[in-house]
PDB file of N, CA and C in Angstrom:
ATOM      1  N   MET A   1      91.846  87.578 101.565  1.00  0.00           N
ATOM      2  CA  MET A   1      92.682  86.672 102.320  1.00  0.00           C
ATOM      3  C   MET A   1      93.865  86.287 101.441  1.00  0.00           C
ATOM      4  N   LYS A   2      95.064  86.378 101.977  1.00  0.00           N
ATOM      5  CA  LYS A   2      96.291  86.007 101.283  1.00  0.00           C
ATOM      6  C   LYS A   2      96.913  84.820 101.983  1.00  0.00           C
ATOM      7  N   VAL A   3      97.353  83.827 101.179  1.00  0.00           N
ATOM      8  CA  VAL A   3      97.965  82.622 101.719  1.00  0.00           C
ATOM      9  C   VAL A   3      99.181  82.285 100.867  1.00  0.00           C
ATOM     10  N   ASN A   4     100.300  81.948 101.489  1.00  0.00           N
ATOM     11  CA  ASN A   4     101.458  81.409 100.772  1.00  0.00           C
ATOM     12  C   ASN A   4     101.413  79.897 100.899  1.00  0.00           C
ATOM     13  N   TYR A   5     101.563  79.200  99.752  1.00  0.00           N
ATOM     14  CA  TYR A   5     101.446  77.746  99.752  1.00  0.00           C
ATOM     15  C   TYR A   5     102.386  77.175  98.698  1.00  0.00           C
ATOM     16  N   ARG A   6     103.354  76.380  99.111  1.00  0.00           N
ATOM     17  CA  ARG A   6     104.283  75.682  98.223  1.00  0.00           C
ATOM     18  C   ARG A   6     104.932  76.603  97.189  1.00  0.00           C
ATOM     19  N   GLY A   7     105.306  77.799  97.588  1.00  0.00           N
ATOM     20  CA  GLY A   7     105.965  78.712  96.678  1.00  0.00           C
ATOM     21  C   GLY A   7     105.017  79.532  95.814  1.00  0.00           C
ATOM     22  N   TYR A   8     103.743  79.527  96.149  1.00  0.00           N
ATOM     23  CA  TYR A   8     102.733  80.298  95.428  1.00  0.00           C
ATOM     24  C   TYR A   8     102.024  81.213  96.412  1.00  0.00           C
ATOM     25  N   GLU A   9     101.558  82.339  95.910  1.00  0.00           N
ATOM     26  CA  GLU A   9     100.736  83.230  96.721  1.00  0.00           C
ATOM     27  C   GLU A   9      99.315  83.179  96.176  1.00  0.00           C
ATOM     28  N   ILE A  10      98.390  82.806  97.026  1.00  0.00           N
ATOM     29  CA  ILE A  10      96.976  82.740  96.662  1.00  0.00           C
ATOM     30  C   ILE A  10      96.280  83.904  97.350  1.00  0.00           C
ATOM     31  N   GLU A  11      95.539  84.669  96.572  1.00  0.00           N
ATOM     32  CA  GLU A  11      94.803  85.785  97.142  1.00  0.00           C
ATOM     33  C   GLU A  11      93.369  85.732  96.652  1.00  0.00           C
ATOM     34  N   ALA A  12      92.454  85.788  97.585  1.00  0.00           N
ATOM     35  CA  ALA A  12      91.025  85.800  97.264  1.00  0.00           C
ATOM     36  C   ALA A  12      90.368  86.923  98.061  1.00  0.00           C
ATOM     37  N   LYS A  13      89.627  87.751  97.343  1.00  0.00           N
ATOM     38  CA  LYS A  13      88.938  88.873  97.979  1.00  0.00           C
ATOM     39  C   LYS A  13      87.485  88.876  97.549  1.00  0.00           C
ATOM     40  N   ARG A  14      86.634  89.279  98.449  1.00  0.00           N
ATOM     41  CA  ARG A  14      85.206  89.410  98.134  1.00  0.00           C
ATOM     42  C   ARG A  14      84.863  90.897  98.128  1.00  0.00           C
ATOM     43  N   HIS A  15      84.234  91.342  97.041  1.00  0.00           N
ATOM     44  CA  HIS A  15      83.811  92.737  96.907  1.00  0.00           C
ATOM     45  C   HIS A  15      82.381  92.776  96.404  1.00  0.00           C
ATOM     46  N   LYS A  16      81.686  93.808  96.740  1.00  0.00           N
ATOM     47  CA  LYS A  16      80.349  94.039  96.181  1.00  0.00           C
ATOM     48  C   LYS A  16      80.492  94.812  94.887  1.00  0.00           C
ATOM     49  N   SER A  17      79.778  94.366  93.865  1.00  0.00           N
ATOM     50  CA  SER A  17      79.798  95.088  92.599  1.00  0.00           C
ATOM     51  C   SER A  17      78.871  96.295  92.696  1.00  0.00           C
ATOM     52  N   MET A  18      78.884  97.108  91.665  1.00  0.00           N
ATOM     53  CA  MET A  18      78.029  98.294  91.664  1.00  0.00           C
ATOM     54  C   MET A  18      76.546  97.913  91.649  1.00  0.00           C
ATOM     55  N   THR A  19      76.251  96.710  91.168  1.00  0.00           N
ATOM     56  CA  THR A  19      74.857  96.264  91.129  1.00  0.00           C
ATOM     57  C   THR A  19      74.436  95.542  92.399  1.00  0.00           C
ATOM     58  N   GLY A  20      75.381  95.355  93.344  1.00  0.00           N
ATOM     59  CA  GLY A  20      75.042  94.737  94.622  1.00  0.00           C
ATOM     60  C   GLY A  20      75.401  93.270  94.743  1.00  0.00           C
ATOM     61  N   TYR A  21      75.947  92.659  93.677  1.00  0.00           N
ATOM     62  CA  TYR A  21      76.341  91.249  93.742  1.00  0.00           C
ATOM     63  C   TYR A  21      77.652  91.103  94.496  1.00  0.00           C
ATOM     64  N   ASP A  22      77.785  90.005  95.235  1.00  0.00           N
ATOM     65  CA  ASP A  22      79.064  89.661  95.855  1.00  0.00           C
ATOM     66  C   ASP A  22      79.930  88.983  94.809  1.00  0.00           C
ATOM     67  N   LEU A  23      81.114  89.515  94.551  1.00  0.00           N
ATOM     68  CA  LEU A  23      82.046  88.933  93.590  1.00  0.00           C
ATOM     69  C   LEU A  23      83.328  88.552  94.311  1.00  0.00           C
ATOM     70  N   VAL A  24      83.938  87.455  93.870  1.00  0.00           N
ATOM     71  CA  VAL A  24      85.203  87.004  94.431  1.00  0.00           C
ATOM     72  C   VAL A  24      86.280  87.173  93.364  1.00  0.00           C
ATOM     73  N   TYR A  25      87.374  87.804  93.740  1.00  0.00           N
ATOM     74  CA  TYR A  25      88.530  87.979  92.868  1.00  0.00           C
ATOM     75  C   TYR A  25      89.615  87.034  93.355  1.00  0.00           C
ATOM     76  N   LEU A  26      90.123  86.176  92.472  1.00  0.00           N
ATOM     77  CA  LEU A  26      91.111  85.160  92.838  1.00  0.00           C
ATOM     78  C   LEU A  26      92.349  85.328  91.975  1.00  0.00           C
ATOM     79  N   SER A  27      93.523  85.274  92.602  1.00  0.00           N
ATOM     80  CA  SER A  27      94.767  85.256  91.843  1.00  0.00           C
ATOM     81  C   SER A  27      95.724  84.260  92.494  1.00  0.00           C
ATOM     82  N   ILE A  28      96.470  83.549  91.638  1.00  0.00           N
ATOM     83  CA  ILE A  28      97.493  82.612  92.084  1.00  0.00           C
ATOM     84  C   ILE A  28      98.778  83.017  91.373  1.00  0.00           C
ATOM     85  N   VAL A  29      99.802  83.361  92.150  1.00  0.00           N
ATOM     86  CA  VAL A  29     101.061  83.841  91.593  1.00  0.00           C
ATOM     87  C   VAL A  29     102.193  82.953  92.098  1.00  0.00           C
ATOM     88  N   ARG A  30     103.052  82.498  91.162  1.00  0.00           N
ATOM     89  CA  ARG A  30     104.236  81.744  91.557  1.00  0.00           C
ATOM     90  C   ARG A  30     105.287  82.741  92.037  1.00  0.00           C
ATOM     91  N   LEU A  31     105.782  82.585  93.254  1.00  0.00           N
ATOM     92  CA  LEU A  31     106.672  83.569  93.862  1.00  0.00           C
ATOM     93  C   LEU A  31     108.076  83.571  93.252  1.00  0.00           C
ATOM     94  N   SER A  32     108.513  82.469  92.664  1.00  0.00           N
ATOM     95  CA  SER A  32     109.873  82.400  92.131  1.00  0.00           C
ATOM     96  C   SER A  32     110.089  83.360  90.963  1.00  0.00           C
ATOM     97  N   ASP A  33     109.059  83.551  90.122  1.00  0.00           N
ATOM     98  CA  ASP A  33     109.215  84.422  88.956  1.00  0.00           C
ATOM     99  C   ASP A  33     108.021  85.356  88.737  1.00  0.00           C
ATOM    100  N   ASN A  34     107.130  85.460  89.723  1.00  0.00           N
ATOM    101  CA  ASN A  34     105.934  86.311  89.651  1.00  0.00           C
ATOM    102  C   ASN A  34     105.039  85.984  88.455  1.00  0.00           C
ATOM    103  N   TYR A  35     104.982  84.721  88.085  1.00  0.00           N
ATOM    104  CA  TYR A  35     104.133  84.262  86.985  1.00  0.00           C
ATOM    105  C   TYR A  35     102.712  84.076  87.501  1.00  0.00           C
ATOM    106  N   PHE A  36     101.733  84.676  86.814  1.00  0.00           N
ATOM    107  CA  PHE A  36     100.333  84.497  87.187  1.00  0.00           C
ATOM    108  C   PHE A  36      99.868  83.138  86.689  1.00  0.00           C
ATOM    109  N   VAL A  37      99.667  82.221  87.600  1.00  0.00           N
ATOM    110  CA  VAL A  37      99.166  80.896  87.242  1.00  0.00           C
ATOM    111  C   VAL A  37      97.689  81.002  86.889  1.00  0.00           C
ATOM    112  N   GLU A  38      96.977  81.760  87.679  1.00  0.00           N
ATOM    113  CA  GLU A  38      95.551  81.958  87.423  1.00  0.00           C
ATOM    114  C   GLU A  38      95.135  83.326  87.931  1.00  0.00           C
ATOM    115  N   TYR A  39      94.307  83.959  87.138  1.00  0.00           N
ATOM    116  CA  TYR A  39      93.726  85.225  87.567  1.00  0.00           C
ATOM    117  C   TYR A  39      92.273  85.203  87.144  1.00  0.00           C
ATOM    118  N   CYS A  40      91.405  85.206  88.099  1.00  0.00           N
ATOM    119  CA  CYS A  40      89.970  85.188  87.830  1.00  0.00           C
ATOM    120  C   CYS A  40      89.387  86.474  88.390  1.00  0.00           C
ATOM    121  N   PRO A  41      89.110  87.445  87.521  1.00  0.00           N
ATOM    122  CA  PRO A  41      88.675  88.738  88.034  1.00  0.00           C
ATOM    123  C   PRO A  41      87.297  88.730  88.666  1.00  0.00           C
ATOM    124  N   MET A  42      86.427  87.828  88.248  1.00  0.00           N
ATOM    125  CA  MET A  42      85.084  87.833  88.826  1.00  0.00           C
ATOM    126  C   MET A  42      84.549  86.423  88.945  1.00  0.00           C
ATOM    127  N   ASN A  43      84.029  86.127  90.092  1.00  0.00           N
ATOM    128  CA  ASN A  43      83.386  84.845  90.335  1.00  0.00           C
ATOM    129  C   ASN A  43      82.203  85.131  91.244  1.00  0.00           C
ATOM    130  N   SER A  44      81.021  84.825  90.782  1.00  0.00           N
ATOM    131  CA  SER A  44      79.839  85.159  91.567  1.00  0.00           C
ATOM    132  C   SER A  44      79.300  83.963  92.346  1.00  0.00           C
ATOM    133  N   SER A  45      80.143  82.929  92.518  1.00  0.00           N
ATOM    134  CA  SER A  45      79.671  81.761  93.260  1.00  0.00           C
ATOM    135  C   SER A  45      79.491  82.121  94.727  1.00  0.00           C
ATOM    136  N   GLY A  46      78.657  81.377  95.406  1.00  0.00           N
ATOM    137  CA  GLY A  46      78.386  81.641  96.809  1.00  0.00           C
ATOM    138  C   GLY A  46      79.332  80.917  97.745  1.00  0.00           C
ATOM    139  N   GLU A  47      80.430  80.347  97.204  1.00  0.00           N
ATOM    140  CA  GLU A  47      81.373  79.620  98.047  1.00  0.00           C
ATOM    141  C   GLU A  47      82.071  80.564  99.026  1.00  0.00           C
ATOM    142  N   PRO A  48      82.329  80.087 100.225  1.00  0.00           N
ATOM    143  CA  PRO A  48      83.107  80.893 101.172  1.00  0.00           C
ATOM    144  C   PRO A  48      84.565  81.007 100.698  1.00  0.00           C
ATOM    145  N   ILE A  49      85.235  82.040 101.156  1.00  0.00           N
ATOM    146  CA  ILE A  49      86.619  82.300 100.746  1.00  0.00           C
ATOM    147  C   ILE A  49      87.523  81.116 101.087  1.00  0.00           C
ATOM    148  N   HIS A  50      87.360  80.501 102.250  1.00  0.00           N
ATOM    149  CA  HIS A  50      88.246  79.394 102.624  1.00  0.00           C
ATOM    150  C   HIS A  50      88.079  78.192 101.699  1.00  0.00           C
ATOM    151  N   GLU A  51      86.898  77.984 101.135  1.00  0.00           N
ATOM    152  CA  GLU A  51      86.691  76.900 100.166  1.00  0.00           C
ATOM    153  C   GLU A  51      87.387  77.218  98.844  1.00  0.00           C
ATOM    154  N   ILE A  52      87.352  78.470  98.435  1.00  0.00           N
ATOM    155  CA  ILE A  52      88.025  78.885  97.202  1.00  0.00           C
ATOM    156  C   ILE A  52      89.533  78.726  97.358  1.00  0.00           C
ATOM    157  N   ILE A  53      90.071  79.086  98.517  1.00  0.00           N
ATOM    158  CA  ILE A  53      91.500  78.907  98.797  1.00  0.00           C
ATOM    159  C   ILE A  53      91.854  77.424  98.788  1.00  0.00           C
ATOM    160  N   LYS A  54      91.014  76.607  99.389  1.00  0.00           N
ATOM    161  CA  LYS A  54      91.251  75.154  99.438  1.00  0.00           C
ATOM    162  C   LYS A  54      91.292  74.560  98.029  1.00  0.00           C
ATOM    163  N   ASN A  55      90.379  74.983  97.151  1.00  0.00           N
ATOM    164  CA  ASN A  55      90.367  74.499  95.771  1.00  0.00           C
ATOM    165  C   ASN A  55      91.596  74.987  95.006  1.00  0.00           C
ATOM    166  N   ALA A  56      92.053  76.204  95.286  1.00  0.00           N
ATOM    167  CA  ALA A  56      93.261  76.716  94.639  1.00  0.00           C
ATOM    168  C   ALA A  56      94.478  75.895  95.066  1.00  0.00           C
ATOM    169  N   LYS A  57      94.537  75.490  96.323  1.00  0.00           N
ATOM    170  CA  LYS A  57      95.638  74.645  96.799  1.00  0.00           C
ATOM    171  C   LYS A  57      95.631  73.301  96.087  1.00  0.00           C
ATOM    172  N   LYS A  58      94.448  72.743  95.844  1.00  0.00           N
ATOM    173  CA  LYS A  58      94.355  71.481  95.102  1.00  0.00           C
ATOM    174  C   LYS A  58      94.899  71.639  93.689  1.00  0.00           C
ATOM    175  N   ARG A  59      94.596  72.776  93.043  1.00  0.00           N
ATOM    176  CA  ARG A  59      95.111  73.030  91.693  1.00  0.00           C
ATOM    177  C   ARG A  59      96.634  73.119  91.702  1.00  0.00           C
ATOM    178  N   ILE A  60      97.176  73.783  92.711  1.00  0.00           N
ATOM    179  CA  ILE A  60      98.634  73.895  92.816  1.00  0.00           C
ATOM    180  C   ILE A  60      99.255  72.517  93.016  1.00  0.00           C
ATOM    181  N   ASP A  61      98.654  71.690  93.852  1.00  0.00           N
ATOM    182  CA  ASP A  61      99.164  70.329  94.063  1.00  0.00           C
ATOM    183  C   ASP A  61      99.172  69.546  92.761  1.00  0.00           C
ATOM    184  N   LEU A  62      98.113  69.660  91.974  1.00  0.00           N
ATOM    185  CA  LEU A  62      98.049  68.953  90.696  1.00  0.00           C
ATOM    186  C   LEU A  62      99.138  69.428  89.741  1.00  0.00           C
ATOM    187  N   VAL A  63      99.338  70.722  89.657  1.00  0.00           N
ATOM    188  CA  VAL A  63     100.362  71.281  88.767  1.00  0.00           C
ATOM    189  C   VAL A  63     101.751  70.835  89.207  1.00  0.00           C
ATOM    190  N   GLU A  64     102.032  70.909  90.497  1.00  0.00           N
ATOM    191  CA  GLU A  64     103.348  70.525  91.011  1.00  0.00           C
ATOM    192  C   GLU A  64     103.604  69.032  90.800  1.00  0.00           C
ATOM    193  N   ASP A  65     102.618  68.191  91.064  1.00  0.00           N
ATOM    194  CA  ASP A  65     102.782  66.753  90.880  1.00  0.00           C
ATOM    195  C   ASP A  65     102.983  66.411  89.410  1.00  0.00           C
ATOM    196  N   PHE A  66     102.232  67.054  88.527  1.00  0.00           N
ATOM    197  CA  PHE A  66     102.359  66.821  87.091  1.00  0.00           C
ATOM    198  C   PHE A  66     103.749  67.232  86.614  1.00  0.00           C
ATOM    199  N   THR A  67     104.221  68.380  87.058  1.00  0.00           N
ATOM    200  CA  THR A  67     105.538  68.874  86.660  1.00  0.00           C
ATOM    201  C   THR A  67     106.638  67.944  87.161  1.00  0.00           C
ATOM    202  N   ALA A  68     106.539  67.507  88.399  1.00  0.00           N
ATOM    203  CA  ALA A  68     107.554  66.615  88.971  1.00  0.00           C
ATOM    204  C   ALA A  68     107.597  65.298  88.215  1.00  0.00           C
ATOM    205  N   ASN A  69     106.451  64.723  87.870  1.00  0.00           N
ATOM    206  CA  ASN A  69     106.420  63.459  87.151  1.00  0.00           C
ATOM    207  C   ASN A  69     107.003  63.597  85.752  1.00  0.00           C
ATOM    208  N   ASN A  70     106.732  64.692  85.073  1.00  0.00           N
ATOM    209  CA  ASN A  70     107.260  64.887  83.722  1.00  0.00           C
ATOM    210  C   ASN A  70     108.766  65.121  83.741  1.00  0.00           C
ATOM    211  N   GLU A  71     109.294  65.800  84.756  1.00  0.00           N
ATOM    212  CA  GLU A  71     110.733  66.004  84.855  1.00  0.00           C
ATOM    213  C   GLU A  71     111.442  64.679  85.088  1.00  0.00           C
ATOM    214  N   ILE A  72     110.878  63.800  85.901  1.00  0.00           N
ATOM    215  CA  ILE A  72     111.471  62.489  86.159  1.00  0.00           C
ATOM    216  C   ILE A  72     111.479  61.661  84.882  1.00  0.00           C
ATOM    217  N   LYS A  73     110.375  61.653  84.142  1.00  0.00           N
ATOM    218  CA  LYS A  73     110.306  60.891  82.897  1.00  0.00           C
ATOM    219  C   LYS A  73     111.299  61.431  81.877  1.00  0.00           C
ATOM    220  N   GLY A  74     111.485  62.750  81.823  1.00  0.00           N
ATOM    221  CA  GLY A  74     112.438  63.344  80.905  1.00  0.00           C
ATOM    222  C   GLY A  74     113.866  62.934  81.231  1.00  0.00           C
ATOM    223  N   LEU A  75     114.193  62.838  82.520  1.00  0.00           N
ATOM    224  CA  LEU A  75     115.528  62.415  82.921  1.00  0.00           C
ATOM    225  C   LEU A  75     115.768  60.958  82.569  1.00  0.00           C
ATOM    226  N   GLU A  76     114.752  60.096  82.714  1.00  0.00           N
ATOM    227  CA  GLU A  76     114.898  58.684  82.383  1.00  0.00           C
ATOM    228  C   GLU A  76     115.202  58.526  80.892  1.00  0.00           C
ATOM    229  N   LYS A  77     114.560  59.321  80.055  1.00  0.00           N
ATOM    230  CA  LYS A  77     114.794  59.229  78.605  1.00  0.00           C
ATOM    231  C   LYS A  77     116.215  59.665  78.257  1.00  0.00           C
ATOM    232  N   LYS A  78     116.733  60.692  78.949  1.00  0.00           N
ATOM    233  CA  LYS A  78     118.079  61.167  78.658  1.00  0.00           C
ATOM    234  C   LYS A  78     119.139  60.157  79.067  1.00  0.00           C
ATOM    235  N   VAL A  79     118.895  59.416  80.145  1.00  0.00           N
ATOM    236  CA  VAL A  79     119.879  58.443  80.641  1.00  0.00           C
ATOM    237  C   VAL A  79     119.956  57.238  79.722  1.00  0.00           C
ATOM    238  N   ARG A  80     118.840  56.827  79.165  1.00  0.00           N
ATOM    239  CA  ARG A  80     118.820  55.623  78.318  1.00  0.00           C
ATOM    240  C   ARG A  80     119.472  55.829  77.022  1.00  0.00           C
TER     241      ARG A  80
END
C-alpha cells in the first residue's frame, strides 16, 4: 500500500519469507529531495498494514512539528 502524506510517501508491503513468515517492509521517503526518513526492511509484527501506515503518519507529524518549532525558535534568536 502506498500513501502520500504531507509531502512524504509511505509504502508498506507484506510478503511471505522463504520460511513462511509474514514480513512487512516499510519505507518513508520525503518527496522534496527523495530522502529516506525510515526504511525498515523486515518487521514480523502481526499489525495490519493500515495500522503501520497510521503509525508512520504519527511519526511524520512529530518530525514536522519538531522541525517547525525549532525553525521558529531559531528566527526569534536571530531577531533579538
